Amino acid sequence: MTLLIEKIKDWTFKEIKTQEFTHGLHQYPARMHPEIAKRLIAEYAPKKSDLIFDPFMGSGTVLVEAMLHGNNSIGIDLNPFAVLLSKVKTTPLDTKTLEKTFKQIILNSKKDKQQKVTYDNAPNFTPRKTKKENFDFWYPKGTVEDLQILKNHVFSIDNEEIRNFFQICFSLTSRKVSFQKNSIYKIYRMQEEKRNEHKPDTLNEFQKICEKNIKNMKNFTEKVGAKYAKSNTILGNTFDAPKILGTKKPTLVVTSPPYGDHQTTVAYGQFSRHPGMWLELPEQEELLAVDSEGLGGKKKEIIDESKLQSQTLIKTLKKIKKKDKEIPETKTHANRAADVYSFFKDLDDCFKKISQVLQKNKSHCCFVVANRTVRREKIPTDEICVELAEKYGFSHQHTFYRTIANKAMSLKNAPENISNFSGDTMNQESIIIWKF
């Protein structure tokens, strides 16, 4: 019997919007295309009783699609900002209450600005500099004062779910009006020419974001209905999945794990640092440790890569080790082979933990990955994943390929920080499907 999923010829979904419902509430690095999650859930979790699990939840795309399909879901992420964002995106809210609260925030904020009321509630991004030095570096003149006014009124909202919603709107505003490059998710400042042209109206920017987000939340709330499926967003590590899920056994895993260690690929922690500090997330220690605690964040010595049982990984490491020897020891990231090994060692441990929560002969697992380049060597992450997972009982069914058309990622990078040299970044994804 031919599966419906096998009939999909083009997984790019270039013409399908990625900002519908609550998917577009806030920027987030390397988000999964919602249509991928939608198709996988429809194929492998047809019953409403099927539980969906995303062990690398990110901004909650899979959980949103699970709710739209009528399935309960669980997501884990070690990034506190991602957990808050996912929670907001999966919490249906009353539109009239949002609109009433929004009008009050704008009214109070404009009144404060008119009367020159000031607040002192902005974070100090780096202790090495004073608050003023940080503000002058990252924000146009006047924006910080307006942000502090908005923050005061957003944080004064009594209802936690409503407050969380407007905190996300505020967070996006704080990024939009700053000197940060919005096209890049690492913390980079605009060039001087762009800074001179950047003259945002903070209250107006907040207003536009709120109006758009309220409309999207209205569509989401109406779509899932009154008896909507539940999602559980959890701050934690995939290594602890068996303990976190307990007796809950997912029918389907849909996830997009990091493509490499956060510090040299997609820096989720860097992206989340400033928003998380503005929002005074209680897990500040976890927020600042996202990149170092992620897969491959703690470098391991290569003791015996053969234990991971991936011939493709062994061959790849051999090539990178050879090129490592050509790089001076004084160079940053001199031992790139150890970086790659550390990432796959952690990913291998995750496969083991995920296998412990699935239902034997009843569950499916779907990974969306991309093949990164290290030392100008393409790493076949898709093939390595298939080989790693096999020893834990994952039976490879399909691998589909798609061009990354909408994912927010740079198409060029500067490998090894070599001047005047750039290389292609990840522009294709592999959708790997296993039966467990």
Protein backbone atom coordinates (compact mmCIF):
# COMPACT_ATOMS: atom_id res chain seq x y z
CA MET A 1 0.00 0.00 0.00
CA THR A 2 1.35 3.42 -0.97
CA LEU A 3 1.39 5.89 1.91
CA LEU A 4 -0.03 9.36 1.30
CA ILE A 5 3.30 10.81 2.35
CA GLU A 6 5.06 8.98 -0.49
CA LYS A 7 2.91 10.88 -2.99
CA ILE A 8 4.34 14.26 -1.94
CA LYS A 9 6.74 15.17 -4.73
CA ASP A 10 7.88 18.57 -3.49
CA TRP A 11 8.65 19.13 0.18
CA THR A 12 9.80 22.72 -0.33
CA PHE A 13 6.28 24.18 0.19
CA LYS A 14 7.55 27.49 -1.16
CA GLU A 15 4.06 28.84 -1.86
CA ILE A 16 2.64 27.90 1.55
CA LYS A 17 2.69 30.59 4.24
CA THR A 18 4.78 30.00 7.37
CA GLN A 19 3.24 32.79 9.50
CA GLU A 20 -0.34 31.53 9.81
CA PHE A 21 -2.09 31.03 13.15
CA THR A 22 0.43 31.50 15.98
CA HIS A 23 3.48 30.39 13.98
CA GLY A 24 4.42 34.01 13.25
CA LEU A 25 4.13 35.52 16.73
CA HIS A 26 7.89 35.98 17.10
CA GLN A 27 11.10 35.36 15.17
CA TYR A 28 13.12 32.28 16.08
CA PRO A 29 16.16 30.72 14.40
CA ALA A 30 15.81 27.84 11.93
CA ARG A 31 12.11 27.13 12.52
CA MET A 32 10.67 24.00 10.97
CA HIS A 33 8.29 24.70 8.11
CA PRO A 34 4.80 24.16 9.61
CA GLU A 35 3.68 22.18 6.57
CA ILE A 36 6.30 19.49 7.27
CA ALA A 37 4.95 18.94 10.78
CA LYS A 38 1.38 19.06 9.47
CA ARG A 39 2.00 16.37 6.84
CA LEU A 40 3.92 14.07 9.19
CA ILE A 41 1.30 14.30 11.93
CA ALA A 42 -1.53 13.63 9.46
CA GLU A 43 0.28 10.53 8.17
CA TYR A 44 1.61 8.96 11.37
CA ALA A 45 -0.79 10.17 14.08
CA PRO A 46 -4.25 9.76 12.50
CA LYS A 47 -6.04 9.07 15.79
CA LYS A 48 -6.81 11.89 18.23
CA SER A 49 -5.48 9.66 21.00
CA ASP A 50 -1.99 9.64 19.42
CA LEU A 51 0.49 11.60 21.53
CA ILE A 52 3.04 13.79 19.70
CA PHE A 53 6.48 14.41 21.20
CA ASP A 54 9.07 17.01 20.16
CA PRO A 55 12.34 16.52 22.10
CA PHE A 56 13.88 19.68 20.56
CA MET A 57 10.81 21.89 20.75
CA GLY A 58 12.31 25.27 19.80
CA SER A 59 9.52 27.77 19.15
CA GLY A 60 6.78 25.12 19.25
CA THR A 61 5.93 24.61 15.57
CA VAL A 62 5.22 20.89 16.03
CA LEU A 63 3.07 21.50 19.10
CA VAL A 64 0.98 24.13 17.31
CA GLU A 65 0.38 21.75 14.39
CA ALA A 66 -0.46 18.91 16.80
CA MET A 67 -3.15 21.08 18.40
CA LEU A 68 -4.52 22.10 14.99
CA HIS A 69 -4.76 18.38 14.17
CA GLY A 70 -6.45 17.60 17.50
CA ASN A 71 -3.56 15.72 19.17
CA ASN A 72 -2.11 16.22 22.63
CA SER A 73 1.60 16.96 22.59
CA ILE A 74 4.70 17.33 24.76
CA GLY A 75 7.74 19.42 23.98
CA ILE A 76 11.11 19.76 25.70
CA ASP A 77 13.70 22.49 25.28
CA LEU A 78 16.58 23.74 27.40
CA ASN A 79 16.05 27.34 26.25
CA PRO A 80 13.78 29.25 28.69
CA PHE A 81 12.82 31.80 26.03
CA ALA A 82 11.81 29.02 23.62
CA VAL A 83 9.65 27.44 26.33
CA LEU A 84 7.85 30.74 27.00
CA LEU A 85 7.32 31.38 23.29
CA SER A 86 6.01 27.83 22.73
CA LYS A 87 3.69 28.17 25.70
CA VAL A 88 2.20 31.40 24.34
CA LYS A 89 1.81 29.93 20.84
CA THR A 90 -0.11 26.93 22.20
CA THR A 91 -2.40 28.81 24.63
CA PRO A 92 -5.72 29.84 23.00
CA LEU A 93 -6.84 33.27 24.24
CA ASP A 94 -10.03 35.33 24.13
CA THR A 95 -9.74 37.99 21.41
CA LYS A 96 -11.87 40.59 23.18
CA THR A 97 -9.71 40.37 26.30
CA LEU A 98 -6.56 40.78 24.20
CA GLU A 99 -7.96 43.80 22.34
CA LYS A 100 -9.13 45.47 25.55
CA THR A 101 -5.77 44.90 27.25
CA PHE A 102 -3.88 46.11 24.18
CA LYS A 103 -5.83 49.38 24.05
CA GLN A 104 -5.10 49.98 27.73
CA ILE A 105 -1.36 49.37 27.27
CA ILE A 106 -1.20 51.83 24.36
CA LEU A 107 -3.32 54.42 26.16
CA ASN A 108 -1.23 54.26 29.35
CA SER A 109 2.07 54.23 27.44
CA LYS A 110 1.21 57.28 25.33
CA LYS A 111 0.08 59.11 28.45
CA ASP A 112 3.37 58.31 30.23
CA LYS A 113 5.38 59.47 27.23
CA GLN A 114 3.40 62.68 26.94
CA GLN A 115 3.93 63.43 30.64
CA LYS A 116 7.62 62.44 30.40
CA VAL A 117 7.22 59.64 32.98
CA THR A 118 10.33 57.45 33.12
CA TYR A 119 11.04 53.95 34.42
CA ASP A 120 14.23 52.09 35.28
CA ASN A 121 13.49 48.49 34.31
CA ALA A 122 15.87 47.76 31.42
CA PRO A 123 18.49 45.00 31.73
CA ASN A 124 22.22 45.50 31.67
CA PHE A 125 23.36 43.18 28.89
CA THR A 126 27.03 43.08 29.88
CA PRO A 127 28.39 43.92 33.36
CA ARG A 128 31.58 45.22 31.74
CA LYS A 129 29.67 48.29 30.55
CA THR A 130 27.23 50.65 32.23
CA LYS A 131 23.56 50.52 31.30
CA LYS A 132 23.94 53.75 29.32
CA GLU A 133 26.89 52.36 27.36
CA ASN A 134 24.87 49.24 26.53
CA PHE A 135 21.83 51.27 25.49
CA ASP A 136 23.85 53.64 23.28
CA PHE A 137 25.51 50.65 21.62
CA TRP A 138 22.37 48.62 20.93
CA TYR A 139 19.52 51.15 20.58
CA PRO A 140 18.73 54.39 18.76
CA LYS A 141 18.23 57.42 20.98
CA GLY A 142 14.87 57.45 22.75
CA THR A 143 13.89 53.84 22.11
CA VAL A 144 15.03 52.50 25.49
CA GLU A 145 12.86 55.04 27.33
CA ASP A 146 9.84 53.95 25.29
CA LEU A 147 10.64 50.27 25.78
CA GLN A 148 10.77 50.78 29.55
CA ILE A 149 7.36 52.46 29.46
CA LEU A 150 5.88 49.57 27.50
CA LYS A 151 7.53 47.01 29.75
CA ASN A 152 6.05 48.62 32.85
CA HIS A 153 2.49 48.33 31.51
CA VAL A 154 2.95 44.85 30.04
CA PHE A 155 4.36 43.53 33.31
CA SER A 156 1.45 45.11 35.22
CA ILE A 157 -1.11 42.78 33.58
CA ASP A 158 -2.67 40.53 36.24
CA ASN A 159 -3.65 37.53 34.09
CA GLU A 160 -0.53 35.42 33.48
CA GLU A 161 -1.57 34.03 30.09
CA ILE A 162 -2.50 37.48 28.77
CA ARG A 163 0.71 38.94 30.24
CA ASN A 164 2.81 36.23 28.57
CA PHE A 165 1.21 37.02 25.21
CA PHE A 166 2.08 40.71 25.43
CA GLN A 167 5.55 39.91 26.73
CA ILE A 168 6.19 38.09 23.46
CA CYS A 169 4.90 41.11 21.53
CA PHE A 170 7.16 43.34 23.63
CA SER A 171 10.14 41.03 23.09
CA LEU A 172 9.79 41.22 19.31
CA THR A 173 9.45 45.00 19.55
CA SER A 174 12.68 45.25 21.56
CA ARG A 175 14.49 43.42 18.77
CA LYS A 176 12.88 45.29 15.87
CA VAL A 177 13.78 48.73 17.22
CA SER A 178 17.34 47.79 18.20
CA PHE A 179 20.56 48.00 16.19
CA GLN A 180 20.69 44.21 15.94
CA LYS A 181 20.75 42.76 12.45
CA ASN A 182 17.31 41.20 12.05
CA SER A 183 18.49 38.92 9.24
CA ILE A 184 21.08 37.24 11.47
CA TYR A 185 20.36 35.36 14.68
CA LYS A 186 23.73 35.80 16.31
CA ILE A 187 24.18 39.07 18.18
CA TYR A 188 25.52 41.37 15.47
CA ARG A 189 25.19 45.15 15.28
CA MET A 190 24.16 46.99 12.14
CA GLN A 191 26.84 48.85 10.23
CA GLU A 192 27.06 52.60 10.87
CA GLU A 193 25.28 53.53 7.63
CA LYS A 194 22.31 51.31 8.54
CA ARG A 195 22.29 52.63 12.12
CA ASN A 196 22.06 56.20 10.88
CA GLU A 197 19.01 55.26 8.78
CA HIS A 198 17.32 53.27 11.56
CA LYS A 199 14.86 55.62 13.29
CA PRO A 200 12.05 53.42 14.66
CA ASP A 201 8.89 54.55 16.41
CA THR A 202 8.81 52.14 19.35
CA LEU A 203 5.16 52.54 20.33
CA ASN A 204 4.04 52.29 16.72
CA GLU A 205 6.16 49.17 16.19
CA PHE A 206 4.63 47.55 19.29
CA GLN A 207 1.16 48.48 18.05
CA LYS A 208 1.71 46.86 14.62
CA ILE A 209 3.11 43.68 16.19
CA CYS A 210 0.20 43.42 18.65
CA GLU A 211 -2.45 43.94 15.98
CA LYS A 212 -0.92 41.22 13.80
CA ASN A 213 -0.43 38.79 16.69
CA ILE A 214 -3.94 39.30 18.07
CA LYS A 215 -5.37 38.52 14.63
CA ASN A 216 -3.25 35.36 14.36
CA MET A 217 -4.19 34.27 17.89
CA LYS A 218 -7.87 34.81 17.03
CA ASN A 219 -7.52 32.51 14.00
CA PHE A 220 -5.71 29.89 16.08
CA THR A 221 -8.24 29.98 18.94
CA GLU A 222 -11.17 29.65 16.53
CA LYS A 223 -9.49 26.82 14.63
CA VAL A 224 -8.72 24.60 17.65
CA GLY A 225 -12.19 25.17 19.14
CA ALA A 226 -13.44 25.11 22.71
CA LYS A 227 -12.42 21.50 23.40
CA TYR A 228 -8.90 21.88 22.14
CA ALA A 229 -6.04 19.39 22.47
CA LYS A 230 -3.47 20.15 25.15
CA SER A 231 0.22 20.83 24.78
CA ASN A 232 2.79 20.62 27.55
CA THR A 233 5.89 22.80 27.11
CA ILE A 234 8.72 21.74 29.43
CA LEU A 235 12.05 23.35 30.28
CA GLY A 236 14.47 20.45 30.30
CA ASN A 237 17.02 18.36 28.46
CA THR A 238 16.27 15.56 25.99
CA PHE A 239 18.74 13.42 27.95
CA ASP A 240 16.07 13.39 30.68
CA ALA A 241 13.16 12.47 28.36
CA PRO A 242 12.33 9.11 30.07
CA LYS A 243 12.10 10.83 33.46
CA ILE A 244 10.14 13.81 32.10
CA LEU A 245 7.58 11.75 30.16
CA GLY A 246 7.19 9.05 32.79
CA THR A 247 4.40 6.69 31.75
CA LYS A 248 3.38 8.78 28.72
CA LYS A 249 4.25 6.94 25.50
CA PRO A 250 4.22 8.98 22.27
CA THR A 251 3.00 7.48 19.02
CA LEU A 252 5.01 9.98 17.02
CA VAL A 253 8.18 12.02 17.41
CA VAL A 254 8.52 15.00 15.07
CA THR A 255 11.52 17.21 15.65
CA SER A 256 14.32 19.24 14.14
CA PRO A 257 17.42 18.86 16.31
CA PRO A 258 20.27 21.37 16.09
CA TYR A 259 22.37 20.86 12.98
CA GLY A 260 25.59 21.11 14.97
CA ASP A 261 26.86 22.60 18.22
CA HIS A 262 25.18 25.96 18.89
CA GLN A 263 28.41 27.92 19.08
CA THR A 264 29.42 27.21 15.47
CA THR A 265 26.04 26.70 13.74
CA VAL A 266 22.72 28.25 14.82
CA ALA A 267 23.27 30.17 18.07
CA TYR A 268 19.87 29.78 19.74
CA GLY A 269 21.28 31.06 23.02
CA GLN A 270 22.68 34.23 21.49
CA PHE A 271 19.36 34.96 19.81
CA SER A 272 17.44 34.48 23.06
CA ARG A 273 19.78 36.33 25.42
CA HIS A 274 18.57 39.91 25.00
CA PRO A 275 14.82 39.05 24.86
CA GLY A 276 15.19 36.80 27.90
CA MET A 277 16.91 39.55 29.87
CA TRP A 278 14.31 42.16 28.94
CA LEU A 279 11.58 39.73 30.05
CA GLU A 280 13.38 38.95 33.33
CA LEU A 281 12.95 35.22 32.79
CA PRO A 282 13.50 33.53 36.17
CA GLU A 283 15.85 30.96 34.61
CA GLN A 284 18.62 33.46 33.80
CA GLU A 285 21.37 30.91 34.48
CA GLU A 286 19.81 28.45 32.03
CA LEU A 287 19.26 31.26 29.50
CA LEU A 288 22.94 32.20 29.45
CA ALA A 289 24.00 28.53 29.22
CA VAL A 290 21.83 27.50 26.24
CA ASP A 291 24.68 27.32 23.72
CA SER A 292 27.11 25.58 26.06
CA GLU A 293 24.50 23.06 27.29
CA GLY A 294 23.18 22.18 23.83
CA LEU A 295 24.27 19.19 21.75
CA GLY A 296 28.05 19.24 21.44
CA GLY A 297 28.32 22.24 23.75
CA LYS A 298 30.80 20.44 25.97
CA LYS A 299 33.73 19.20 23.94
CA LYS A 300 34.68 15.56 24.43
CA GLU A 301 37.92 13.87 23.52
CA ILE A 302 37.57 11.32 20.73
CA ILE A 303 38.24 8.07 22.58
CA ASP A 304 36.64 5.45 20.33
CA GLU A 305 34.26 6.72 17.66
CA SER A 306 33.63 3.15 16.50
CA LYS A 307 31.38 2.63 19.54
CA LEU A 308 28.81 4.93 17.93
CA GLN A 309 28.53 2.36 15.11
CA SER A 310 28.49 4.78 12.18
CA GLN A 311 30.95 4.10 9.40
CA THR A 312 29.98 7.36 7.73
CA LEU A 313 30.87 9.31 10.87
CA ILE A 314 34.22 7.51 11.17
CA LYS A 315 35.12 8.41 7.57
CA THR A 316 34.00 12.01 8.06
CA LEU A 317 36.02 12.46 11.26
CA LYS A 318 39.08 11.06 9.53
CA LYS A 319 38.86 13.77 6.84
CA ILE A 320 38.35 16.55 9.39
CA LYS A 321 41.22 15.31 11.59
CA LYS A 322 43.50 15.53 8.57
CA LYS A 323 42.50 19.13 7.93
CA ASP A 324 42.78 19.97 11.62
CA LYS A 325 46.49 19.21 11.42
CA GLU A 326 46.86 21.91 8.78
CA ILE A 327 45.47 24.58 11.16
CA PRO A 328 47.83 26.17 13.74
CA GLU A 329 47.10 25.18 17.35
CA THR A 330 46.70 28.84 18.26
CA LYS A 331 43.69 29.22 15.99
CA THR A 332 40.19 29.31 17.50
CA HIS A 333 38.31 26.03 17.06
CA ALA A 334 41.55 24.23 16.16
CA ASN A 335 40.19 20.77 17.01
CA ARG A 336 37.07 20.70 14.84
CA ALA A 337 37.01 16.90 14.71
CA ALA A 338 36.37 16.87 18.46
CA ASP A 339 33.54 19.41 17.99
CA VAL A 340 31.88 17.17 15.41
CA TYR A 341 32.38 14.04 17.50
CA SER A 342 30.98 15.76 20.61
CA PHE A 343 27.83 16.76 18.74
CA PHE A 344 27.16 13.27 17.39
CA LYS A 345 28.02 11.62 20.70
CA ASP A 346 25.33 13.75 22.36
CA LEU A 347 22.89 13.12 19.52
CA ASP A 348 23.52 9.39 19.86
CA ASP A 349 22.63 9.61 23.56
CA CYS A 350 19.41 11.40 22.56
CA PHE A 351 18.45 8.58 20.20
CA LYS A 352 18.90 6.19 23.11
CA LYS A 353 16.70 8.28 25.42
CA ILE A 354 14.02 8.81 22.77
CA SER A 355 13.89 5.05 22.13
CA GLN A 356 13.06 4.53 25.80
CA VAL A 357 9.82 6.55 25.60
CA LEU A 358 8.39 5.15 22.34
CA GLN A 359 5.93 2.30 21.84
CA LYS A 360 7.57 -0.73 20.27
CA ASN A 361 6.12 -1.58 16.85
CA LYS A 362 3.60 1.28 17.19
CA SER A 363 5.61 4.50 17.05
CA HIS A 364 7.27 6.50 14.29
CA CYS A 365 10.09 9.03 14.59
CA CYS A 366 10.73 11.89 12.13
CA PHE A 367 13.85 14.08 12.16
CA VAL A 368 14.40 17.15 9.99
CA VAL A 369 18.16 17.72 9.65
CA ALA A 370 20.63 19.50 7.38
CA ASN A 371 24.15 18.59 6.32
CA ARG A 372 26.54 21.25 7.60
CA THR A 373 30.09 21.90 6.45
CA VAL A 374 33.15 21.75 8.71
CA ARG A 375 36.65 22.41 7.42
CA ARG A 376 34.94 22.65 4.02
CA GLU A 377 33.91 19.01 4.36
CA LYS A 378 30.20 18.31 3.97
CA ILE A 379 28.95 16.24 6.92
CA PRO A 380 26.23 13.76 5.84
CA THR A 381 24.18 14.18 9.01
CA ASP A 382 21.19 12.39 7.46
CA GLU A 383 23.20 9.22 6.76
CA ILE A 384 24.93 9.37 10.13
CA CYS A 385 21.57 9.69 11.94
CA VAL A 386 20.22 6.60 10.19
CA GLU A 387 23.31 4.61 11.25
CA LEU A 388 23.31 5.90 14.84
CA ALA A 389 19.62 5.16 15.39
CA GLU A 390 19.67 1.61 14.05
CA LYS A 391 21.25 0.05 17.16
CA TYR A 392 18.42 1.46 19.31
CA GLY A 393 15.66 -0.21 17.28
CA PHE A 394 14.84 2.52 14.74
CA SER A 395 14.02 1.01 11.33
CA HIS A 396 14.67 3.51 8.53
CA GLN A 397 11.66 3.90 6.22
CA HIS A 398 12.22 6.99 4.08
CA THR A 399 14.41 10.05 3.61
CA PHE A 400 12.86 12.94 1.70
CA TYR A 401 14.80 16.02 0.62
CA ARG A 402 13.75 19.65 0.41
CA THR A 403 15.32 22.96 -0.50
CA ILE A 404 15.21 25.44 2.36
CA ALA A 405 13.08 28.23 0.91
CA ASN A 406 11.73 30.07 3.96
CA LYS A 407 13.93 29.08 6.86
CA ALA A 408 15.62 32.08 8.43
CA MET A 409 19.27 31.24 7.93
CA SER A 410 22.20 32.82 6.13
CA LEU A 411 23.15 31.29 2.76
CA LYS A 412 26.83 32.18 3.17
CA ASN A 413 29.25 32.04 6.06
CA ALA A 414 32.93 32.56 6.77
CA PRO A 415 34.45 29.14 7.53
CA GLU A 416 37.48 29.20 9.84
CA ASN A 417 37.18 33.03 9.84
CA ILE A 418 39.42 33.20 6.75
CA SER A 419 39.42 36.71 5.31
CA ASN A 420 37.70 37.18 1.93
CA PHE A 421 36.55 33.57 1.86
CA SER A 422 32.98 32.43 2.18
CA GLY A 423 31.30 29.09 1.89
CA ASP A 424 27.79 27.81 1.33
CA THR A 425 25.73 27.15 4.43
CA MET A 426 22.93 24.60 4.73
CA ASN A 427 20.39 25.10 1.93
CA GLN A 428 18.82 21.64 1.89
CA GLU A 429 17.09 19.60 4.57
CA SER A 430 16.56 15.87 4.92
CA ILE A 431 13.33 14.55 6.41
CA ILE A 432 14.19 11.16 7.92
CA ILE A 433 11.40 8.76 8.92
CA TRP A 434 11.85 5.68 11.09
CA LYS A 435 9.49 3.06 12.42
CA PHE A 436 10.23 1.97 15.96
